[in-house]
Amino acid sequence: MSRWVQAGAIDNRFEGDRVSRALEEAEIPYMIKSFLDTAYDGLYVLQKGWGRVMVPEEFYNQAERIVTEVKMFFQKEGKDEIE
């Protein structure tokens, strides 16, 4: 059984949905751990981000690249909306 490692952090639920879809298309097993906790009203989201992407160690490089690409797309998309 493989060891699971963190392939990246997610800033919000929408980014998490896009990352999930991209990893599924690449046939990479993944798990998204959310830090959103209703008991603490999202306190940890400010410190750690919305969540993190966990993948088996052998998929780390490919998954990290996908997460980075999705995050870059979100940043570009946000800049386009401001302009």
PDB file of N, CA and C in Angstrom:
ATOM      1  N   MET A   1       0.836  -1.177   0.000  1.00  0.00           N
ATOM      2  CA  MET A   1       0.000   0.000   0.000  1.00  0.00           C
ATOM      3  C   MET A   1       0.885   1.246   0.000  1.00  0.00           C
ATOM      4  N   SER A   2       0.522   2.199  -0.823  1.00  0.00           N
ATOM      5  CA  SER A   2       1.315   3.411  -0.990  1.00  0.00           C
ATOM      6  C   SER A   2       1.115   4.390   0.155  1.00  0.00           C
ATOM      7  N   ARG A   3       2.135   5.175   0.364  1.00  0.00           N
ATOM      8  CA  ARG A   3       2.047   6.264   1.324  1.00  0.00           C
ATOM      9  C   ARG A   3       1.413   7.449   0.607  1.00  0.00           C
ATOM     10  N   TRP A   4       0.498   8.167   1.259  1.00  0.00           N
ATOM     11  CA  TRP A   4      -0.157   9.323   0.666  1.00  0.00           C
ATOM     12  C   TRP A   4       0.585  10.587   1.081  1.00  0.00           C
ATOM     13  N   VAL A   5       0.755  11.485   0.116  1.00  0.00           N
ATOM     14  CA  VAL A   5       1.483  12.734   0.351  1.00  0.00           C
ATOM     15  C   VAL A   5       0.636  13.912  -0.127  1.00  0.00           C
ATOM     16  N   GLN A   6       0.965  15.089   0.370  1.00  0.00           N
ATOM     17  CA  GLN A   6       0.243  16.297  -0.028  1.00  0.00           C
ATOM     18  C   GLN A   6       0.779  16.808  -1.362  1.00  0.00           C
ATOM     19  N   ALA A   7      -0.126  16.952  -2.335  1.00  0.00           N
ATOM     20  CA  ALA A   7       0.268  17.429  -3.658  1.00  0.00           C
ATOM     21  C   ALA A   7      -0.031  18.907  -3.847  1.00  0.00           C
ATOM     22  N   GLY A   8      -0.699  19.521  -2.882  1.00  0.00           N
ATOM     23  CA  GLY A   8      -0.987  20.943  -2.995  1.00  0.00           C
ATOM     24  C   GLY A   8      -2.094  21.374  -2.057  1.00  0.00           C
ATOM     25  N   ALA A   9      -2.249  22.684  -1.940  1.00  0.00           N
ATOM     26  CA  ALA A   9      -3.295  23.272  -1.111  1.00  0.00           C
ATOM     27  C   ALA A   9      -4.367  23.862  -2.017  1.00  0.00           C
ATOM     28  N   ILE A  10      -5.580  23.902  -1.503  1.00  0.00           N
ATOM     29  CA  ILE A  10      -6.722  24.437  -2.247  1.00  0.00           C
ATOM     30  C   ILE A  10      -7.266  25.626  -1.483  1.00  0.00           C
ATOM     31  N   ASP A  11      -7.573  26.688  -2.214  1.00  0.00           N
ATOM     32  CA  ASP A  11      -8.023  27.923  -1.586  1.00  0.00           C
ATOM     33  C   ASP A  11      -9.535  28.002  -1.362  1.00  0.00           C
ATOM     34  N   ASN A  12     -10.313  27.283  -2.159  1.00  0.00           N
ATOM     35  CA  ASN A  12     -11.772  27.329  -1.985  1.00  0.00           C
ATOM     36  C   ASN A  12     -12.418  26.096  -2.609  1.00  0.00           C
ATOM     37  N   ARG A  13     -13.712  25.955  -2.382  1.00  0.00           N
ATOM     38  CA  ARG A  13     -14.447  24.776  -2.842  1.00  0.00           C
ATOM     39  C   ARG A  13     -14.452  24.664  -4.374  1.00  0.00           C
ATOM     40  N   PHE A  14     -14.554  25.790  -5.084  1.00  0.00           N
ATOM     41  CA  PHE A  14     -14.597  25.759  -6.541  1.00  0.00           C
ATOM     42  C   PHE A  14     -13.275  25.266  -7.116  1.00  0.00           C
ATOM     43  N   GLU A  15     -12.188  25.725  -6.527  1.00  0.00           N
ATOM     44  CA  GLU A  15     -10.872  25.257  -6.945  1.00  0.00           C
ATOM     45  C   GLU A  15     -10.758  23.758  -6.668  1.00  0.00           C
ATOM     46  N   GLY A  16     -11.291  23.321  -5.546  1.00  0.00           N
ATOM     47  CA  GLY A  16     -11.292  21.900  -5.201  1.00  0.00           C
ATOM     48  C   GLY A  16     -12.049  21.067  -6.211  1.00  0.00           C
ATOM     49  N   ASP A  17     -13.195  21.582  -6.691  1.00  0.00           N
ATOM     50  CA  ASP A  17     -13.972  20.875  -7.708  1.00  0.00           C
ATOM     51  C   ASP A  17     -13.188  20.745  -9.004  1.00  0.00           C
ATOM     52  N   ARG A  18     -12.517  21.808  -9.406  1.00  0.00           N
ATOM     53  CA  ARG A  18     -11.726  21.772 -10.651  1.00  0.00           C
ATOM     54  C   ARG A  18     -10.543  20.812 -10.529  1.00  0.00           C
ATOM     55  N   VAL A  19      -9.874  20.846  -9.374  1.00  0.00           N
ATOM     56  CA  VAL A  19      -8.747  19.935  -9.150  1.00  0.00           C
ATOM     57  C   VAL A  19      -9.244  18.491  -9.174  1.00  0.00           C
ATOM     58  N   SER A  20     -10.358  18.236  -8.520  1.00  0.00           N
ATOM     59  CA  SER A  20     -10.928  16.878  -8.500  1.00  0.00           C
ATOM     60  C   SER A  20     -11.193  16.382  -9.908  1.00  0.00           C
ATOM     61  N   ARG A  21     -11.822  17.217 -10.714  1.00  0.00           N
ATOM     62  CA  ARG A  21     -12.158  16.837 -12.086  1.00  0.00           C
ATOM     63  C   ARG A  21     -10.891  16.548 -12.889  1.00  0.00           C
ATOM     64  N   ALA A  22      -9.876  17.400 -12.739  1.00  0.00           N
ATOM     65  CA  ALA A  22      -8.626  17.217 -13.491  1.00  0.00           C
ATOM     66  C   ALA A  22      -7.907  15.929 -13.068  1.00  0.00           C
ATOM     67  N   LEU A  23      -7.905  15.643 -11.777  1.00  0.00           N
ATOM     68  CA  LEU A  23      -7.250  14.423 -11.300  1.00  0.00           C
ATOM     69  C   LEU A  23      -8.011  13.178 -11.750  1.00  0.00           C
ATOM     70  N   GLU A  24      -9.333  13.253 -11.771  1.00  0.00           N
ATOM     71  CA  GLU A  24     -10.135  12.125 -12.258  1.00  0.00           C
ATOM     72  C   GLU A  24      -9.854  11.869 -13.736  1.00  0.00           C
ATOM     73  N   GLU A  25      -9.771  12.940 -14.535  1.00  0.00           N
ATOM     74  CA  GLU A  25      -9.471  12.795 -15.962  1.00  0.00           C
ATOM     75  C   GLU A  25      -8.093  12.183 -16.186  1.00  0.00           C
ATOM     76  N   ALA A  26      -7.152  12.497 -15.306  1.00  0.00           N
ATOM     77  CA  ALA A  26      -5.795  11.943 -15.407  1.00  0.00           C
ATOM     78  C   ALA A  26      -5.701  10.559 -14.759  1.00  0.00           C
ATOM     79  N   GLU A  27      -6.820  10.081 -14.213  1.00  0.00           N
ATOM     80  CA  GLU A  27      -6.889   8.773 -13.545  1.00  0.00           C
ATOM     81  C   GLU A  27      -5.894   8.663 -12.393  1.00  0.00           C
ATOM     82  N   ILE A  28      -5.821   9.729 -11.605  1.00  0.00           N
ATOM     83  CA  ILE A  28      -4.963   9.755 -10.426  1.00  0.00           C
ATOM     84  C   ILE A  28      -5.844   9.615  -9.194  1.00  0.00           C
ATOM     85  N   PRO A  29      -5.591   8.612  -8.356  1.00  0.00           N
ATOM     86  CA  PRO A  29      -6.362   8.506  -7.118  1.00  0.00           C
ATOM     87  C   PRO A  29      -6.036   9.695  -6.214  1.00  0.00           C
ATOM     88  N   TYR A  30      -7.036  10.226  -5.556  1.00  0.00           N
ATOM     89  CA  TYR A  30      -6.819  11.403  -4.720  1.00  0.00           C
ATOM     90  C   TYR A  30      -7.811  11.429  -3.562  1.00  0.00           C
ATOM     91  N   MET A  31      -7.496  12.278  -2.613  1.00  0.00           N
ATOM     92  CA  MET A  31      -8.386  12.545  -1.495  1.00  0.00           C
ATOM     93  C   MET A  31      -8.221  14.033  -1.188  1.00  0.00           C
ATOM     94  N   ILE A  32      -9.335  14.716  -0.982  1.00  0.00           N
ATOM     95  CA  ILE A  32      -9.258  16.124  -0.611  1.00  0.00           C
ATOM     96  C   ILE A  32      -9.663  16.234   0.851  1.00  0.00           C
ATOM     97  N   LYS A  33      -8.765  16.783   1.636  1.00  0.00           N
ATOM     98  CA  LYS A  33      -9.002  16.991   3.073  1.00  0.00           C
ATOM     99  C   LYS A  33      -9.364  18.454   3.263  1.00  0.00           C
ATOM    100  N   SER A  34     -10.589  18.704   3.664  1.00  0.00           N
ATOM    101  CA  SER A  34     -11.042  20.077   3.876  1.00  0.00           C
ATOM    102  C   SER A  34     -10.781  20.499   5.318  1.00  0.00           C
ATOM    103  N   PHE A  35     -10.407  21.766   5.498  1.00  0.00           N
ATOM    104  CA  PHE A  35     -10.214  22.320   6.835  1.00  0.00           C
ATOM    105  C   PHE A  35     -11.438  23.113   7.287  1.00  0.00           C
ATOM    106  N   LEU A  36     -12.494  23.096   6.465  1.00  0.00           N
ATOM    107  CA  LEU A  36     -13.719  23.798   6.808  1.00  0.00           C
ATOM    108  C   LEU A  36     -14.396  23.049   7.942  1.00  0.00           C
ATOM    109  N   ASP A  37     -14.529  23.688   9.065  1.00  0.00           N
ATOM    110  CA  ASP A  37     -15.118  23.078  10.257  1.00  0.00           C
ATOM    111  C   ASP A  37     -16.221  23.985  10.770  1.00  0.00           C
ATOM    112  N   THR A  38     -17.453  23.521  10.699  1.00  0.00           N
ATOM    113  CA  THR A  38     -18.576  24.366  11.110  1.00  0.00           C
ATOM    114  C   THR A  38     -18.544  24.672  12.608  1.00  0.00           C
ATOM    115  N   ALA A  39     -17.974  23.789  13.397  1.00  0.00           N
ATOM    116  CA  ALA A  39     -17.923  24.030  14.842  1.00  0.00           C
ATOM    117  C   ALA A  39     -17.074  25.255  15.179  1.00  0.00           C
ATOM    118  N   TYR A  40     -16.044  25.493  14.381  1.00  0.00           N
ATOM    119  CA  TYR A  40     -15.162  26.638  14.619  1.00  0.00           C
ATOM    120  C   TYR A  40     -15.352  27.734  13.582  1.00  0.00           C
ATOM    121  N   ASP A  41     -16.443  27.657  12.816  1.00  0.00           N
ATOM    122  CA  ASP A  41     -16.820  28.671  11.837  1.00  0.00           C
ATOM    123  C   ASP A  41     -15.700  28.984  10.845  1.00  0.00           C
ATOM    124  N   GLY A  42     -15.012  27.937  10.370  1.00  0.00           N
ATOM    125  CA  GLY A  42     -13.985  28.126   9.346  1.00  0.00           C
ATOM    126  C   GLY A  42     -12.694  28.742   9.839  1.00  0.00           C
ATOM    127  N   LEU A  43     -12.439  28.715  11.141  1.00  0.00           N
ATOM    128  CA  LEU A  43     -11.243  29.314  11.718  1.00  0.00           C
ATOM    129  C   LEU A  43      -9.955  28.808  11.064  1.00  0.00           C
ATOM    130  N   TYR A  44      -9.871  27.511  10.797  1.00  0.00           N
ATOM    131  CA  TYR A  44      -8.635  26.938  10.260  1.00  0.00           C
ATOM    132  C   TYR A  44      -8.442  27.227   8.777  1.00  0.00           C
ATOM    133  N   VAL A  45      -9.495  27.622   8.077  1.00  0.00           N
ATOM    134  CA  VAL A  45      -9.375  27.957   6.663  1.00  0.00           C
ATOM    135  C   VAL A  45      -8.436  29.146   6.479  1.00  0.00           C
ATOM    136  N   LEU A  46      -8.503  30.105   7.385  1.00  0.00           N
ATOM    137  CA  LEU A  46      -7.621  31.273   7.306  1.00  0.00           C
ATOM    138  C   LEU A  46      -6.161  30.895   7.495  1.00  0.00           C
ATOM    139  N   GLN A  47      -5.902  29.891   8.323  1.00  0.00           N
ATOM    140  CA  GLN A  47      -4.528  29.491   8.614  1.00  0.00           C
ATOM    141  C   GLN A  47      -3.954  28.512   7.595  1.00  0.00           C
ATOM    142  N   LYS A  48      -4.780  27.560   7.149  1.00  0.00           N
ATOM    143  CA  LYS A  48      -4.273  26.458   6.340  1.00  0.00           C
ATOM    144  C   LYS A  48      -4.779  26.448   4.901  1.00  0.00           C
ATOM    145  N   GLY A  49      -5.727  27.304   4.568  1.00  0.00           N
ATOM    146  CA  GLY A  49      -6.373  27.229   3.266  1.00  0.00           C
ATOM    147  C   GLY A  49      -7.639  26.397   3.387  1.00  0.00           C
ATOM    148  N   TRP A  50      -8.405  26.298   2.316  1.00  0.00           N
ATOM    149  CA  TRP A  50      -9.666  25.561   2.375  1.00  0.00           C
ATOM    150  C   TRP A  50      -9.422  24.066   2.559  1.00  0.00           C
ATOM    151  N   GLY A  51      -8.372  23.560   1.928  1.00  0.00           N
ATOM    152  CA  GLY A  51      -8.093  22.128   2.045  1.00  0.00           C
ATOM    153  C   GLY A  51      -6.777  21.769   1.393  1.00  0.00           C
ATOM    154  N   ARG A  52      -6.514  20.468   1.355  1.00  0.00           N
ATOM    155  CA  ARG A  52      -5.291  19.999   0.706  1.00  0.00           C
ATOM    156  C   ARG A  52      -5.598  18.753  -0.110  1.00  0.00           C
ATOM    157  N   VAL A  53      -4.783  18.543  -1.115  1.00  0.00           N
ATOM    158  CA  VAL A  53      -4.934  17.398  -2.007  1.00  0.00           C
ATOM    159  C   VAL A  53      -3.914  16.342  -1.615  1.00  0.00           C
ATOM    160  N   MET A  54      -4.403  15.148  -1.352  1.00  0.00           N
ATOM    161  CA  MET A  54      -3.533  14.035  -0.990  1.00  0.00           C
ATOM    162  C   MET A  54      -3.575  12.996  -2.115  1.00  0.00           C
ATOM    163  N   VAL A  55      -2.403  12.480  -2.498  1.00  0.00           N
ATOM    164  CA  VAL A  55      -2.297  11.465  -3.549  1.00  0.00           C
ATOM    165  C   VAL A  55      -1.277  10.417  -3.127  1.00  0.00           C
ATOM    166  N   PRO A  56      -1.365   9.211  -3.708  1.00  0.00           N
ATOM    167  CA  PRO A  56      -0.307   8.228  -3.454  1.00  0.00           C
ATOM    168  C   PRO A  56       1.033   8.780  -3.930  1.00  0.00           C
ATOM    169  N   GLU A  57       2.063   8.460  -3.219  1.00  0.00           N
ATOM    170  CA  GLU A  57       3.394   9.022  -3.467  1.00  0.00           C
ATOM    171  C   GLU A  57       3.853   8.889  -4.920  1.00  0.00           C
ATOM    172  N   GLU A  58       3.527   7.782  -5.568  1.00  0.00           N
ATOM    173  CA  GLU A  58       3.997   7.586  -6.949  1.00  0.00           C
ATOM    174  C   GLU A  58       3.317   8.529  -7.952  1.00  0.00           C
ATOM    175  N   PHE A  59       2.215   9.174  -7.565  1.00  0.00           N
ATOM    176  CA  PHE A  59       1.522  10.125  -8.440  1.00  0.00           C
ATOM    177  C   PHE A  59       1.843  11.579  -8.075  1.00  0.00           C
ATOM    178  N   TYR A  60       2.745  11.783  -7.131  1.00  0.00           N
ATOM    179  CA  TYR A  60       2.998  13.126  -6.606  1.00  0.00           C
ATOM    180  C   TYR A  60       3.358  14.149  -7.687  1.00  0.00           C
ATOM    181  N   ASN A  61       4.354  13.862  -8.515  1.00  0.00           N
ATOM    182  CA  ASN A  61       4.816  14.840  -9.508  1.00  0.00           C
ATOM    183  C   ASN A  61       3.714  15.239 -10.474  1.00  0.00           C
ATOM    184  N   GLN A  62       3.001  14.264 -10.984  1.00  0.00           N
ATOM    185  CA  GLN A  62       1.931  14.542 -11.941  1.00  0.00           C
ATOM    186  C   GLN A  62       0.789  15.321 -11.264  1.00  0.00           C
ATOM    187  N   ALA A  63       0.420  14.920 -10.058  1.00  0.00           N
ATOM    188  CA  ALA A  63      -0.669  15.588  -9.349  1.00  0.00           C
ATOM    189  C   ALA A  63      -0.290  17.010  -8.961  1.00  0.00           C
ATOM    190  N   GLU A  64       0.935  17.219  -8.519  1.00  0.00           N
ATOM    191  CA  GLU A  64       1.378  18.561  -8.143  1.00  0.00           C
ATOM    192  C   GLU A  64       1.312  19.503  -9.354  1.00  0.00           C
ATOM    193  N   ARG A  65       1.701  19.005 -10.514  1.00  0.00           N
ATOM    194  CA  ARG A  65       1.650  19.808 -11.742  1.00  0.00           C
ATOM    195  C   ARG A  65       0.198  20.178 -12.073  1.00  0.00           C
ATOM    196  N   ILE A  66      -0.712  19.232 -11.934  1.00  0.00           N
ATOM    197  CA  ILE A  66      -2.125  19.493 -12.213  1.00  0.00           C
ATOM    198  C   ILE A  66      -2.686  20.528 -11.244  1.00  0.00           C
ATOM    199  N   VAL A  67      -2.395  20.380  -9.963  1.00  0.00           N
ATOM    200  CA  VAL A  67      -2.883  21.341  -8.954  1.00  0.00           C
ATOM    201  C   VAL A  67      -2.341  22.730  -9.263  1.00  0.00           C
ATOM    202  N   THR A  68      -1.071  22.826  -9.608  1.00  0.00           N
ATOM    203  CA  THR A  68      -0.460  24.118  -9.934  1.00  0.00           C
ATOM    204  C   THR A  68      -1.130  24.748 -11.152  1.00  0.00           C
ATOM    205  N   GLU A  69      -1.397  23.949 -12.182  1.00  0.00           N
ATOM    206  CA  GLU A  69      -2.052  24.459 -13.382  1.00  0.00           C
ATOM    207  C   GLU A  69      -3.449  24.986 -13.074  1.00  0.00           C
ATOM    208  N   VAL A  70      -4.199  24.253 -12.267  1.00  0.00           N
ATOM    209  CA  VAL A  70      -5.553  24.698 -11.904  1.00  0.00           C
ATOM    210  C   VAL A  70      -5.481  25.991 -11.113  1.00  0.00           C
ATOM    211  N   LYS A  71      -4.556  26.092 -10.171  1.00  0.00           N
ATOM    212  CA  LYS A  71      -4.419  27.305  -9.367  1.00  0.00           C
ATOM    213  C   LYS A  71      -4.023  28.496 -10.247  1.00  0.00           C
ATOM    214  N   MET A  72      -3.148  28.279 -11.222  1.00  0.00           N
ATOM    215  CA  MET A  72      -2.762  29.353 -12.132  1.00  0.00           C
ATOM    216  C   MET A  72      -3.962  29.802 -12.963  1.00  0.00           C
ATOM    217  N   PHE A  73      -4.786  28.857 -13.387  1.00  0.00           N
ATOM    218  CA  PHE A  73      -5.992  29.189 -14.146  1.00  0.00           C
ATOM    219  C   PHE A  73      -6.922  30.052 -13.300  1.00  0.00           C
ATOM    220  N   PHE A  74      -7.106  29.687 -12.032  1.00  0.00           N
ATOM    221  CA  PHE A  74      -7.973  30.463 -11.139  1.00  0.00           C
ATOM    222  C   PHE A  74      -7.420  31.869 -10.934  1.00  0.00           C
ATOM    223  N   GLN A  75      -6.114  32.009 -10.787  1.00  0.00           N
ATOM    224  CA  GLN A  75      -5.511  33.325 -10.606  1.00  0.00           C
ATOM    225  C   GLN A  75      -5.692  34.172 -11.857  1.00  0.00           C
ATOM    226  N   LYS A  76      -5.500  33.591 -13.016  1.00  0.00           N
ATOM    227  CA  LYS A  76      -5.669  34.317 -14.279  1.00  0.00           C
ATOM    228  C   LYS A  76      -7.133  34.710 -14.456  1.00  0.00           C
ATOM    229  N   GLU A  77      -8.037  33.795 -14.155  1.00  0.00           N
ATOM    230  CA  GLU A  77      -9.469  34.042 -14.294  1.00  0.00           C
ATOM    231  C   GLU A  77      -9.895  35.189 -13.373  1.00  0.00           C
ATOM    232  N   GLY A  78      -9.343  35.238 -12.172  1.00  0.00           N
ATOM    233  CA  GLY A  78      -9.654  36.311 -11.226  1.00  0.00           C
ATOM    234  C   GLY A  78      -9.166  37.656 -11.715  1.00  0.00           C
ATOM    235  N   LYS A  79      -7.983  37.695 -12.309  1.00  0.00           N
ATOM    236  CA  LYS A  79      -7.431  38.950 -12.848  1.00  0.00           C
ATOM    237  C   LYS A  79      -8.272  39.455 -14.016  1.00  0.00           C
ATOM    238  N   ASP A  80      -8.753  38.520 -14.862  1.00  0.00           N
ATOM    239  CA  ASP A  80      -9.584  38.912 -15.999  1.00  0.00           C
ATOM    240  C   ASP A  80     -10.888  39.563 -15.547  1.00  0.00           C
ATOM    241  N   GLU A  81     -11.447  39.081 -14.434  1.00  0.00           N
ATOM    242  CA  GLU A  81     -12.694  39.641 -13.922  1.00  0.00           C
ATOM    243  C   GLU A  81     -12.500  41.042 -13.367  1.00  0.00           C
ATOM    244  N   ILE A  82     -11.325  41.325 -12.818  1.00  0.00           N
ATOM    245  CA  ILE A  82     -11.045  42.633 -12.227  1.00  0.00           C
ATOM    246  C   ILE A  82     -10.865  43.681 -13.322  1.00  0.00           C
ATOM    247  N   GLU A  83     -10.239  43.306 -14.415  1.00  0.00           N
ATOM    248  CA  GLU A  83      -9.943  44.260 -15.495  1.00  0.00           C
ATOM    249  C   GLU A  83     -11.153  44.688 -16.252  1.00  0.00           C
TER     250      GLU A  83
END
